[in-house]
PDB file of N, CA and C in Angstrom:
ATOM      1  N   MET A   1     -88.354 -40.338  -4.351  1.00  0.00           N
ATOM      2  CA  MET A   1     -88.580 -41.107  -5.557  1.00  0.00           C
ATOM      3  C   MET A   1     -89.591 -42.205  -5.255  1.00  0.00           C
ATOM      4  N   ALA A   2     -90.490 -42.443  -6.174  1.00  0.00           N
ATOM      5  CA  ALA A   2     -91.483 -43.497  -6.009  1.00  0.00           C
ATOM      6  C   ALA A   2     -90.968 -44.764  -6.702  1.00  0.00           C
ATOM      7  N   PHE A   3     -90.581 -45.740  -5.888  1.00  0.00           N
ATOM      8  CA  PHE A   3     -90.056 -46.980  -6.452  1.00  0.00           C
ATOM      9  C   PHE A   3     -91.107 -47.701  -7.291  1.00  0.00           C
ATOM     10  N   ALA A   4     -92.377 -47.577  -6.931  1.00  0.00           N
ATOM     11  CA  ALA A   4     -93.433 -48.267  -7.680  1.00  0.00           C
ATOM     12  C   ALA A   4     -93.446 -47.811  -9.138  1.00  0.00           C
ATOM     13  N   GLU A   5     -93.364 -46.507  -9.366  1.00  0.00           N
ATOM     14  CA  GLU A   5     -93.337 -45.991 -10.739  1.00  0.00           C
ATOM     15  C   GLU A   5     -92.083 -46.445 -11.470  1.00  0.00           C
ATOM     16  N   THR A   6     -90.973 -46.463 -10.765  1.00  0.00           N
ATOM     17  CA  THR A   6     -89.711 -46.860 -11.375  1.00  0.00           C
ATOM     18  C   THR A   6     -89.757 -48.316 -11.810  1.00  0.00           C
ATOM     19  N   PHE A   7     -90.213 -49.190 -10.911  1.00  0.00           N
ATOM     20  CA  PHE A   7     -90.259 -50.606 -11.252  1.00  0.00           C
ATOM     21  C   PHE A   7     -91.303 -50.899 -12.320  1.00  0.00           C
ATOM     22  N   LYS A   8     -92.405 -50.150 -12.316  1.00  0.00           N
ATOM     23  CA  LYS A   8     -93.408 -50.300 -13.378  1.00  0.00           C
ATOM     24  C   LYS A   8     -92.780 -49.948 -14.725  1.00  0.00           C
ATOM     25  N   ALA A   9     -92.035 -48.850 -14.753  1.00  0.00           N
ATOM     26  CA  ALA A   9     -91.390 -48.430 -15.997  1.00  0.00           C
ATOM     27  C   ALA A   9     -90.373 -49.463 -16.464  1.00  0.00           C
ATOM     28  N   LEU A  10     -89.636 -50.032 -15.527  1.00  0.00           N
ATOM     29  CA  LEU A  10     -88.609 -51.019 -15.873  1.00  0.00           C
ATOM     30  C   LEU A  10     -89.190 -52.376 -16.256  1.00  0.00           C
ATOM     31  N   SER A  11     -90.450 -52.610 -15.939  1.00  0.00           N
ATOM     32  CA  SER A  11     -91.045 -53.927 -16.199  1.00  0.00           C
ATOM     33  C   SER A  11     -91.314 -54.188 -17.678  1.00  0.00           C
ATOM     34  N   ASP A  12     -91.337 -53.157 -18.484  1.00  0.00           N
ATOM     35  CA  ASP A  12     -91.646 -53.325 -19.903  1.00  0.00           C
ATOM     36  C   ASP A  12     -90.361 -53.487 -20.718  1.00  0.00           C
ATOM     37  N   PRO A  13     -90.283 -54.520 -21.565  1.00  0.00           N
ATOM     38  CA  PRO A  13     -89.067 -54.760 -22.342  1.00  0.00           C
ATOM     39  C   PRO A  13     -88.741 -53.631 -23.329  1.00  0.00           C
ATOM     40  N   VAL A  14     -89.738 -52.987 -23.895  1.00  0.00           N
ATOM     41  CA  VAL A  14     -89.476 -51.875 -24.825  1.00  0.00           C
ATOM     42  C   VAL A  14     -88.821 -50.722 -24.083  1.00  0.00           C
ATOM     43  N   ARG A  15     -89.314 -50.412 -22.896  1.00  0.00           N
ATOM     44  CA  ARG A  15     -88.727 -49.321 -22.123  1.00  0.00           C
ATOM     45  C   ARG A  15     -87.299 -49.667 -21.694  1.00  0.00           C
ATOM     46  N   ARG A  16     -87.048 -50.914 -21.379  1.00  0.00           N
ATOM     47  CA  ARG A  16     -85.671 -51.315 -21.053  1.00  0.00           C
ATOM     48  C   ARG A  16     -84.764 -51.164 -22.273  1.00  0.00           C
ATOM     49  N   GLN A  17     -85.279 -51.476 -23.460  1.00  0.00           N
ATOM     50  CA  GLN A  17     -84.502 -51.301 -24.694  1.00  0.00           C
ATOM     51  C   GLN A  17     -84.206 -49.818 -24.931  1.00  0.00           C
ATOM     52  N   ILE A  18     -85.174 -48.965 -24.658  1.00  0.00           N
ATOM     53  CA  ILE A  18     -84.958 -47.521 -24.811  1.00  0.00           C
ATOM     54  C   ILE A  18     -83.853 -47.062 -23.871  1.00  0.00           C
ATOM     55  N   LEU A  19     -83.867 -47.544 -22.633  1.00  0.00           N
ATOM     56  CA  LEU A  19     -82.810 -47.190 -21.680  1.00  0.00           C
ATOM     57  C   LEU A  19     -81.451 -47.662 -22.179  1.00  0.00           C
ATOM     58  N   GLU A  20     -81.410 -48.857 -22.755  1.00  0.00           N
ATOM     59  CA  GLU A  20     -80.164 -49.375 -23.318  1.00  0.00           C
ATOM     60  C   GLU A  20     -79.636 -48.453 -24.422  1.00  0.00           C
ATOM     61  N   LEU A  21     -80.536 -47.979 -25.278  1.00  0.00           N
ATOM     62  CA  LEU A  21     -80.133 -47.060 -26.342  1.00  0.00           C
ATOM     63  C   LEU A  21     -79.578 -45.763 -25.760  1.00  0.00           C
ATOM     64  N   LEU A  22     -80.223 -45.256 -24.721  1.00  0.00           N
ATOM     65  CA  LEU A  22     -79.842 -43.969 -24.150  1.00  0.00           C
ATOM     66  C   LEU A  22     -78.559 -44.035 -23.330  1.00  0.00           C
ATOM     67  N   LYS A  23     -78.132 -45.216 -22.958  1.00  0.00           N
ATOM     68  CA  LYS A  23     -76.883 -45.279 -22.193  1.00  0.00           C
ATOM     69  C   LYS A  23     -75.687 -44.914 -23.070  1.00  0.00           C
ATOM     70  N   LYS A  24     -75.874 -44.934 -24.378  1.00  0.00           N
ATOM     71  CA  LYS A  24     -74.814 -44.534 -25.306  1.00  0.00           C
ATOM     72  C   LYS A  24     -74.788 -43.024 -25.518  1.00  0.00           C
ATOM     73  N   GLY A  25     -75.839 -42.327 -25.067  1.00  0.00           N
ATOM     74  CA  GLY A  25     -75.896 -40.876 -25.217  1.00  0.00           C
ATOM     75  C   GLY A  25     -77.293 -40.414 -25.584  1.00  0.00           C
ATOM     76  N   PRO A  26     -77.495 -39.101 -25.583  1.00  0.00           N
ATOM     77  CA  PRO A  26     -78.815 -38.537 -25.880  1.00  0.00           C
ATOM     78  C   PRO A  26     -79.286 -38.879 -27.300  1.00  0.00           C
ATOM     79  N   LEU A  27     -80.594 -39.083 -27.424  1.00  0.00           N
ATOM     80  CA  LEU A  27     -81.211 -39.353 -28.726  1.00  0.00           C
ATOM     81  C   LEU A  27     -82.515 -38.571 -28.831  1.00  0.00           C
ATOM     82  N   SER A  28     -82.869 -38.212 -30.042  1.00  0.00           N
ATOM     83  CA  SER A  28     -84.171 -37.577 -30.271  1.00  0.00           C
ATOM     84  C   SER A  28     -85.245 -38.657 -30.303  1.00  0.00           C
ATOM     85  N   ALA A  29     -86.480 -38.226 -30.180  1.00  0.00           N
ATOM     86  CA  ALA A  29     -87.598 -39.183 -30.238  1.00  0.00           C
ATOM     87  C   ALA A  29     -87.597 -39.908 -31.585  1.00  0.00           C
ATOM     88  N   GLY A  30     -87.289 -39.186 -32.651  1.00  0.00           N
ATOM     89  CA  GLY A  30     -87.234 -39.801 -33.977  1.00  0.00           C
ATOM     90  C   GLY A  30     -86.156 -40.856 -34.083  1.00  0.00           C
ATOM     91  N   ASP A  31     -84.989 -40.576 -33.487  1.00  0.00           N
ATOM     92  CA  ASP A  31     -83.898 -41.560 -33.477  1.00  0.00           C
ATOM     93  C   ASP A  31     -84.319 -42.819 -32.731  1.00  0.00           C
ATOM     94  N   ILE A  32     -84.999 -42.628 -31.617  1.00  0.00           N
ATOM     95  CA  ILE A  32     -85.456 -43.776 -30.819  1.00  0.00           C
ATOM     96  C   ILE A  32     -86.504 -44.558 -31.603  1.00  0.00           C
ATOM     97  N   ALA A  33     -87.484 -43.845 -32.161  1.00  0.00           N
ATOM     98  CA  ALA A  33     -88.577 -44.497 -32.889  1.00  0.00           C
ATOM     99  C   ALA A  33     -88.075 -45.279 -34.097  1.00  0.00           C
ATOM    100  N   SER A  34     -87.002 -44.800 -34.728  1.00  0.00           N
ATOM    101  CA  SER A  34     -86.496 -45.476 -35.933  1.00  0.00           C
ATOM    102  C   SER A  34     -85.957 -46.868 -35.635  1.00  0.00           C
ATOM    103  N   ARG A  35     -85.728 -47.175 -34.376  1.00  0.00           N
ATOM    104  CA  ARG A  35     -85.174 -48.482 -33.995  1.00  0.00           C
ATOM    105  C   ARG A  35     -86.258 -49.494 -33.588  1.00  0.00           C
ATOM    106  N   PHE A  36     -87.509 -49.064 -33.684  1.00  0.00           N
ATOM    107  CA  PHE A  36     -88.615 -49.933 -33.284  1.00  0.00           C
ATOM    108  C   PHE A  36     -89.654 -49.991 -34.393  1.00  0.00           C
ATOM    109  N   ALA A  37     -90.336 -51.114 -34.490  1.00  0.00           N
ATOM    110  CA  ALA A  37     -91.422 -51.270 -35.463  1.00  0.00           C
ATOM    111  C   ALA A  37     -92.752 -50.977 -34.766  1.00  0.00           C
ATOM    112  N   MET A  38     -92.909 -49.717 -34.356  1.00  0.00           N
ATOM    113  CA  MET A  38     -94.151 -49.294 -33.710  1.00  0.00           C
ATOM    114  C   MET A  38     -94.377 -47.822 -34.032  1.00  0.00           C
ATOM    115  N   THR A  39     -95.568 -47.359 -33.756  1.00  0.00           N
ATOM    116  CA  THR A  39     -95.920 -45.985 -34.102  1.00  0.00           C
ATOM    117  C   THR A  39     -95.187 -44.980 -33.214  1.00  0.00           C
ATOM    118  N   GLY A  40     -95.108 -43.765 -33.706  1.00  0.00           N
ATOM    119  CA  GLY A  40     -94.516 -42.688 -32.921  1.00  0.00           C
ATOM    120  C   GLY A  40     -95.284 -42.434 -31.647  1.00  0.00           C
ATOM    121  N   ALA A  41     -96.604 -42.610 -31.708  1.00  0.00           N
ATOM    122  CA  ALA A  41     -97.437 -42.411 -30.514  1.00  0.00           C
ATOM    123  C   ALA A  41     -97.098 -43.434 -29.440  1.00  0.00           C
ATOM    124  N   THR A  42     -96.820 -44.652 -29.845  1.00  0.00           N
ATOM    125  CA  THR A  42     -96.463 -45.699 -28.882  1.00  0.00           C
ATOM    126  C   THR A  42     -95.115 -45.390 -28.237  1.00  0.00           C
ATOM    127  N   ILE A  43     -94.157 -44.935 -29.041  1.00  0.00           N
ATOM    128  CA  ILE A  43     -92.853 -44.553 -28.492  1.00  0.00           C
ATOM    129  C   ILE A  43     -93.021 -43.376 -27.534  1.00  0.00           C
ATOM    130  N   SER A  44     -93.851 -42.410 -27.902  1.00  0.00           N
ATOM    131  CA  SER A  44     -94.106 -41.258 -27.025  1.00  0.00           C
ATOM    132  C   SER A  44     -94.684 -41.705 -25.690  1.00  0.00           C
ATOM    133  N   TYR A  45     -95.574 -42.689 -25.731  1.00  0.00           N
ATOM    134  CA  TYR A  45     -96.153 -43.225 -24.496  1.00  0.00           C
ATOM    135  C   TYR A  45     -95.057 -43.822 -23.608  1.00  0.00           C
ATOM    136  N   HIS A  46     -94.175 -44.623 -24.198  1.00  0.00           N
ATOM    137  CA  HIS A  46     -93.093 -45.239 -23.427  1.00  0.00           C
ATOM    138  C   HIS A  46     -92.147 -44.176 -22.855  1.00  0.00           C
ATOM    139  N   LEU A  47     -91.848 -43.144 -23.645  1.00  0.00           N
ATOM    140  CA  LEU A  47     -90.993 -42.061 -23.160  1.00  0.00           C
ATOM    141  C   LEU A  47     -91.664 -41.316 -22.002  1.00  0.00           C
ATOM    142  N   LYS A  48     -92.960 -41.153 -22.096  1.00  0.00           N
ATOM    143  CA  LYS A  48     -93.710 -40.485 -21.023  1.00  0.00           C
ATOM    144  C   LYS A  48     -93.613 -41.274 -19.715  1.00  0.00           C
ATOM    145  N   ILE A  49     -93.768 -42.583 -19.791  1.00  0.00           N
ATOM    146  CA  ILE A  49     -93.671 -43.438 -18.604  1.00  0.00           C
ATOM    147  C   ILE A  49     -92.267 -43.360 -18.006  1.00  0.00           C
ATOM    148  N   LEU A  50     -91.260 -43.386 -18.855  1.00  0.00           N
ATOM    149  CA  LEU A  50     -89.876 -43.295 -18.383  1.00  0.00           C
ATOM    150  C   LEU A  50     -89.603 -41.937 -17.731  1.00  0.00           C
ATOM    151  N   LYS A  51     -90.171 -40.868 -18.296  1.00  0.00           N
ATOM    152  CA  LYS A  51     -89.994 -39.535 -17.698  1.00  0.00           C
ATOM    153  C   LYS A  51     -90.700 -39.442 -16.351  1.00  0.00           C
ATOM    154  N   GLN A  52     -91.907 -39.987 -16.259  1.00  0.00           N
ATOM    155  CA  GLN A  52     -92.649 -39.956 -14.989  1.00  0.00           C
ATOM    156  C   GLN A  52     -91.901 -40.695 -13.891  1.00  0.00           C
ATOM    157  N   ALA A  53     -91.152 -41.717 -14.272  1.00  0.00           N
ATOM    158  CA  ALA A  53     -90.372 -42.491 -13.310  1.00  0.00           C
ATOM    159  C   ALA A  53     -88.998 -41.863 -13.062  1.00  0.00           C
ATOM    160  N   ASP A  54     -88.735 -40.722 -13.691  1.00  0.00           N
ATOM    161  CA  ASP A  54     -87.450 -40.017 -13.570  1.00  0.00           C
ATOM    162  C   ASP A  54     -86.265 -40.837 -14.073  1.00  0.00           C
ATOM    163  N   LEU A  55     -86.519 -41.796 -14.932  1.00  0.00           N
ATOM    164  CA  LEU A  55     -85.426 -42.597 -15.492  1.00  0.00           C
ATOM    165  C   LEU A  55     -84.748 -41.893 -16.664  1.00  0.00           C
ATOM    166  N   ILE A  56     -85.482 -40.965 -17.278  1.00  0.00           N
ATOM    167  CA  ILE A  56     -84.913 -40.157 -18.350  1.00  0.00           C
ATOM    168  C   ILE A  56     -85.344 -38.712 -18.154  1.00  0.00           C
ATOM    169  N   PHE A  57     -84.630 -37.818 -18.810  1.00  0.00           N
ATOM    170  CA  PHE A  57     -85.072 -36.430 -18.859  1.00  0.00           C
ATOM    171  C   PHE A  57     -84.865 -35.928 -20.273  1.00  0.00           C
ATOM    172  N   GLU A  58     -85.519 -34.815 -20.565  1.00  0.00           N
ATOM    173  CA  GLU A  58     -85.452 -34.286 -21.917  1.00  0.00           C
ATOM    174  C   GLU A  58     -84.843 -32.891 -21.921  1.00  0.00           C
ATOM    175  N   SER A  59     -84.230 -32.572 -23.043  1.00  0.00           N
ATOM    176  CA  SER A  59     -83.718 -31.222 -23.254  1.00  0.00           C
ATOM    177  C   SER A  59     -84.101 -30.806 -24.669  1.00  0.00           C
ATOM    178  N   ARG A  60     -84.402 -29.546 -24.826  1.00  0.00           N
ATOM    179  CA  ARG A  60     -84.823 -29.038 -26.138  1.00  0.00           C
ATOM    180  C   ARG A  60     -83.672 -28.313 -26.807  1.00  0.00           C
ATOM    181  N   GLU A  61     -83.541 -28.590 -28.103  1.00  0.00           N
ATOM    182  CA  GLU A  61     -82.530 -27.918 -28.909  1.00  0.00           C
ATOM    183  C   GLU A  61     -83.154 -27.617 -30.263  1.00  0.00           C
ATOM    184  N   LYS A  62     -83.424 -26.363 -30.490  1.00  0.00           N
ATOM    185  CA  LYS A  62     -84.123 -25.900 -31.693  1.00  0.00           C
ATOM    186  C   LYS A  62     -85.464 -26.609 -31.798  1.00  0.00           C
ATOM    187  N   ASN A  63     -85.686 -27.363 -32.869  1.00  0.00           N
ATOM    188  CA  ASN A  63     -86.974 -28.044 -33.074  1.00  0.00           C
ATOM    189  C   ASN A  63     -86.985 -29.481 -32.574  1.00  0.00           C
ATOM    190  N   TYR A  64     -85.954 -29.884 -31.844  1.00  0.00           N
ATOM    191  CA  TYR A  64     -85.835 -31.272 -31.422  1.00  0.00           C
ATOM    192  C   TYR A  64     -85.862 -31.388 -29.902  1.00  0.00           C
ATOM    193  N   ILE A  65     -86.375 -32.515 -29.454  1.00  0.00           N
ATOM    194  CA  ILE A  65     -86.304 -32.873 -28.037  1.00  0.00           C
ATOM    195  C   ILE A  65     -85.379 -34.072 -27.945  1.00  0.00           C
ATOM    196  N   TYR A  66     -84.369 -33.957 -27.106  1.00  0.00           N
ATOM    197  CA  TYR A  66     -83.427 -35.053 -26.905  1.00  0.00           C
ATOM    198  C   TYR A  66     -83.669 -35.679 -25.538  1.00  0.00           C
ATOM    199  N   TYR A  67     -83.619 -36.989 -25.505  1.00  0.00           N
ATOM    200  CA  TYR A  67     -83.827 -37.746 -24.274  1.00  0.00           C
ATOM    201  C   TYR A  67     -82.497 -38.293 -23.802  1.00  0.00           C
ATOM    202  N   GLN A  68     -82.340 -38.266 -22.486  1.00  0.00           N
ATOM    203  CA  GLN A  68     -81.081 -38.688 -21.889  1.00  0.00           C
ATOM    204  C   GLN A  68     -81.357 -39.498 -20.634  1.00  0.00           C
ATOM    205  N   LEU A  69     -80.506 -40.462 -20.379  1.00  0.00           N
ATOM    206  CA  LEU A  69     -80.620 -41.322 -19.209  1.00  0.00           C
ATOM    207  C   LEU A  69     -80.354 -40.522 -17.935  1.00  0.00           C
ATOM    208  N   ASN A  70     -81.170 -40.749 -16.912  1.00  0.00           N
ATOM    209  CA  ASN A  70     -80.960 -40.131 -15.603  1.00  0.00           C
ATOM    210  C   ASN A  70     -80.326 -41.187 -14.704  1.00  0.00           C
ATOM    211  N   THR A  71     -79.023 -41.189 -14.652  1.00  0.00           N
ATOM    212  CA  THR A  71     -78.307 -42.241 -13.924  1.00  0.00           C
ATOM    213  C   THR A  71     -78.457 -42.129 -12.415  1.00  0.00           C
ATOM    214  N   SER A  72     -78.791 -40.948 -11.901  1.00  0.00           N
ATOM    215  CA  SER A  72     -78.903 -40.805 -10.446  1.00  0.00           C
ATOM    216  C   SER A  72     -80.036 -41.666  -9.879  1.00  0.00           C
ATOM    217  N   VAL A  73     -81.131 -41.802 -10.609  1.00  0.00           N
ATOM    218  CA  VAL A  73     -82.234 -42.643 -10.142  1.00  0.00           C
ATOM    219  C   VAL A  73     -81.811 -44.105 -10.143  1.00  0.00           C
ATOM    220  N   LEU A  74     -81.105 -44.516 -11.172  1.00  0.00           N
ATOM    221  CA  LEU A  74     -80.633 -45.899 -11.231  1.00  0.00           C
ATOM    222  C   LEU A  74     -79.650 -46.179 -10.096  1.00  0.00           C
ATOM    223  N   GLU A  75     -78.808 -45.212  -9.775  1.00  0.00           N
ATOM    224  CA  GLU A  75     -77.875 -45.376  -8.662  1.00  0.00           C
ATOM    225  C   GLU A  75     -78.617 -45.512  -7.333  1.00  0.00           C
ATOM    226  N   GLU A  76     -79.688 -44.731  -7.156  1.00  0.00           N
ATOM    227  CA  GLU A  76     -80.487 -44.837  -5.928  1.00  0.00           C
ATOM    228  C   GLU A  76     -81.111 -46.222  -5.794  1.00  0.00           C
ATOM    229  N   ILE A  77     -81.605 -46.757  -6.898  1.00  0.00           N
ATOM    230  CA  ILE A  77     -82.220 -48.089  -6.877  1.00  0.00           C
ATOM    231  C   ILE A  77     -81.178 -49.145  -6.516  1.00  0.00           C
ATOM    232  N   LEU A  78     -80.018 -49.063  -7.144  1.00  0.00           N
ATOM    233  CA  LEU A  78     -78.955 -50.033  -6.856  1.00  0.00           C
ATOM    234  C   LEU A  78     -78.507 -49.944  -5.402  1.00  0.00           C
ATOM    235  N   LEU A  79     -78.417 -48.745  -4.882  1.00  0.00           N
ATOM    236  CA  LEU A  79     -78.039 -48.566  -3.488  1.00  0.00           C
ATOM    237  C   LEU A  79     -79.084 -49.194  -2.571  1.00  0.00           C
ATOM    238  N   TRP A  80     -80.357 -48.950  -2.857  1.00  0.00           N
ATOM    239  CA  TRP A  80     -81.438 -49.507  -2.039  1.00  0.00           C
ATOM    240  C   TRP A  80     -81.420 -51.040  -2.104  1.00  0.00           C
ATOM    241  N   ILE A  81     -81.254 -51.588  -3.302  1.00  0.00           N
ATOM    242  CA  ILE A  81     -81.227 -53.046  -3.455  1.00  0.00           C
ATOM    243  C   ILE A  81     -80.040 -53.636  -2.702  1.00  0.00           C
ATOM    244  N   SER A  82     -78.902 -52.952  -2.747  1.00  0.00           N
ATOM    245  CA  SER A  82     -77.725 -53.476  -2.053  1.00  0.00           C
ATOM    246  C   SER A  82     -77.938 -53.526  -0.543  1.00  0.00           C
ATOM    247  N   THR A  83     -78.782 -52.668   0.016  1.00  0.00           N
ATOM    248  CA  THR A  83     -79.051 -52.722   1.450  1.00  0.00           C
ATOM    249  C   THR A  83     -79.920 -53.926   1.814  1.00  0.00           C
ATOM    250  N   LEU A  84     -80.641 -54.450   0.840  1.00  0.00           N
ATOM    251  CA  LEU A  84     -81.512 -55.601   1.099  1.00  0.00           C
ATOM    252  C   LEU A  84     -80.730 -56.897   1.266  1.00  0.00           C
ATOM    253  N   LYS A  85     -79.535 -56.944   0.729  1.00  0.00           N
ATOM    254  CA  LYS A  85     -78.791 -58.200   0.791  1.00  0.00           C
ATOM    255  C   LYS A  85     -77.826 -58.242   1.971  1.00  0.00           C
ATOM    256  N   GLY A  86     -78.075 -57.415   2.982  1.00  0.00           N
ATOM    257  CA  GLY A  86     -77.228 -57.391   4.174  1.00  0.00           C
ATOM    258  C   GLY A  86     -77.248 -58.732   4.900  1.00  0.00           C
ATOM    259  N   GLY A  87     -76.307 -58.916   5.797  1.00  0.00           N
ATOM    260  CA  GLY A  87     -76.197 -60.166   6.554  1.00  0.00           C
ATOM    261  C   GLY A  87     -77.237 -60.271   7.652  1.00  0.00           C
ATOM    262  N   ASP A  88     -77.168 -61.355   8.437  1.00  0.00           N
ATOM    263  CA  ASP A  88     -78.111 -61.575   9.522  1.00  0.00           C
ATOM    264  C   ASP A  88     -78.022 -60.495  10.607  1.00  0.00           C
ATOM    265  N   SER A  89     -76.874 -59.876  10.732  1.00  0.00           N
ATOM    266  CA  SER A  89     -76.711 -58.855  11.764  1.00  0.00           C
ATOM    267  C   SER A  89     -77.548 -57.617  11.458  1.00  0.00           C
ATOM    268  N   ASP A  90     -78.002 -57.463  10.192  1.00  0.00           N
ATOM    269  CA  ASP A  90     -78.829 -56.314   9.819  1.00  0.00           C
ATOM    270  C   ASP A  90     -80.284 -56.497  10.223  1.00  0.00           C
ATOM    271  N   VAL A  91     -80.676 -57.722  10.552  1.00  0.00           N
ATOM    272  CA  VAL A  91     -82.067 -58.016  10.869  1.00  0.00           C
ATOM    273  C   VAL A  91     -82.253 -58.033  12.379  1.00  0.00           C
ATOM    274  N   GLU A  92     -83.244 -57.304  12.827  1.00  0.00           N
ATOM    275  CA  GLU A  92     -83.528 -57.282  14.266  1.00  0.00           C
ATOM    276  C   GLU A  92     -84.292 -58.558  14.623  1.00  0.00           C
ATOM    277  N   ARG A  93     -83.810 -59.267  15.614  1.00  0.00           N
ATOM    278  CA  ARG A  93     -84.453 -60.528  16.022  1.00  0.00           C
ATOM    279  C   ARG A  93     -85.456 -60.247  17.128  1.00  0.00           C
ATOM    280  N   THR A  94     -86.568 -60.947  17.052  1.00  0.00           N
ATOM    281  CA  THR A  94     -87.598 -60.776  18.100  1.00  0.00           C
ATOM    282  C   THR A  94     -87.758 -62.018  18.925  1.00  0.00           C
TER     283      THR A  94
END
């Protein structure tokens, strides 16, 4: 996983809001767009960035694409961050 892409995706408040919406369950692009005062193209751009960062994935059902949160990537990030807060014994002294 590329942490740079993940953190870039998380840096935008709109994308964080989209993730918040998706934690309640899968939504179509139209459902997501209806909650924002921006164009469908702008929402598509944000969804694309989130997909590239593996924070969400999509599934197709008939004529709709549903987006869903990818919790495994978030768990990896939390695990990595938790290793950073280790005690002094984790740091090699020179």
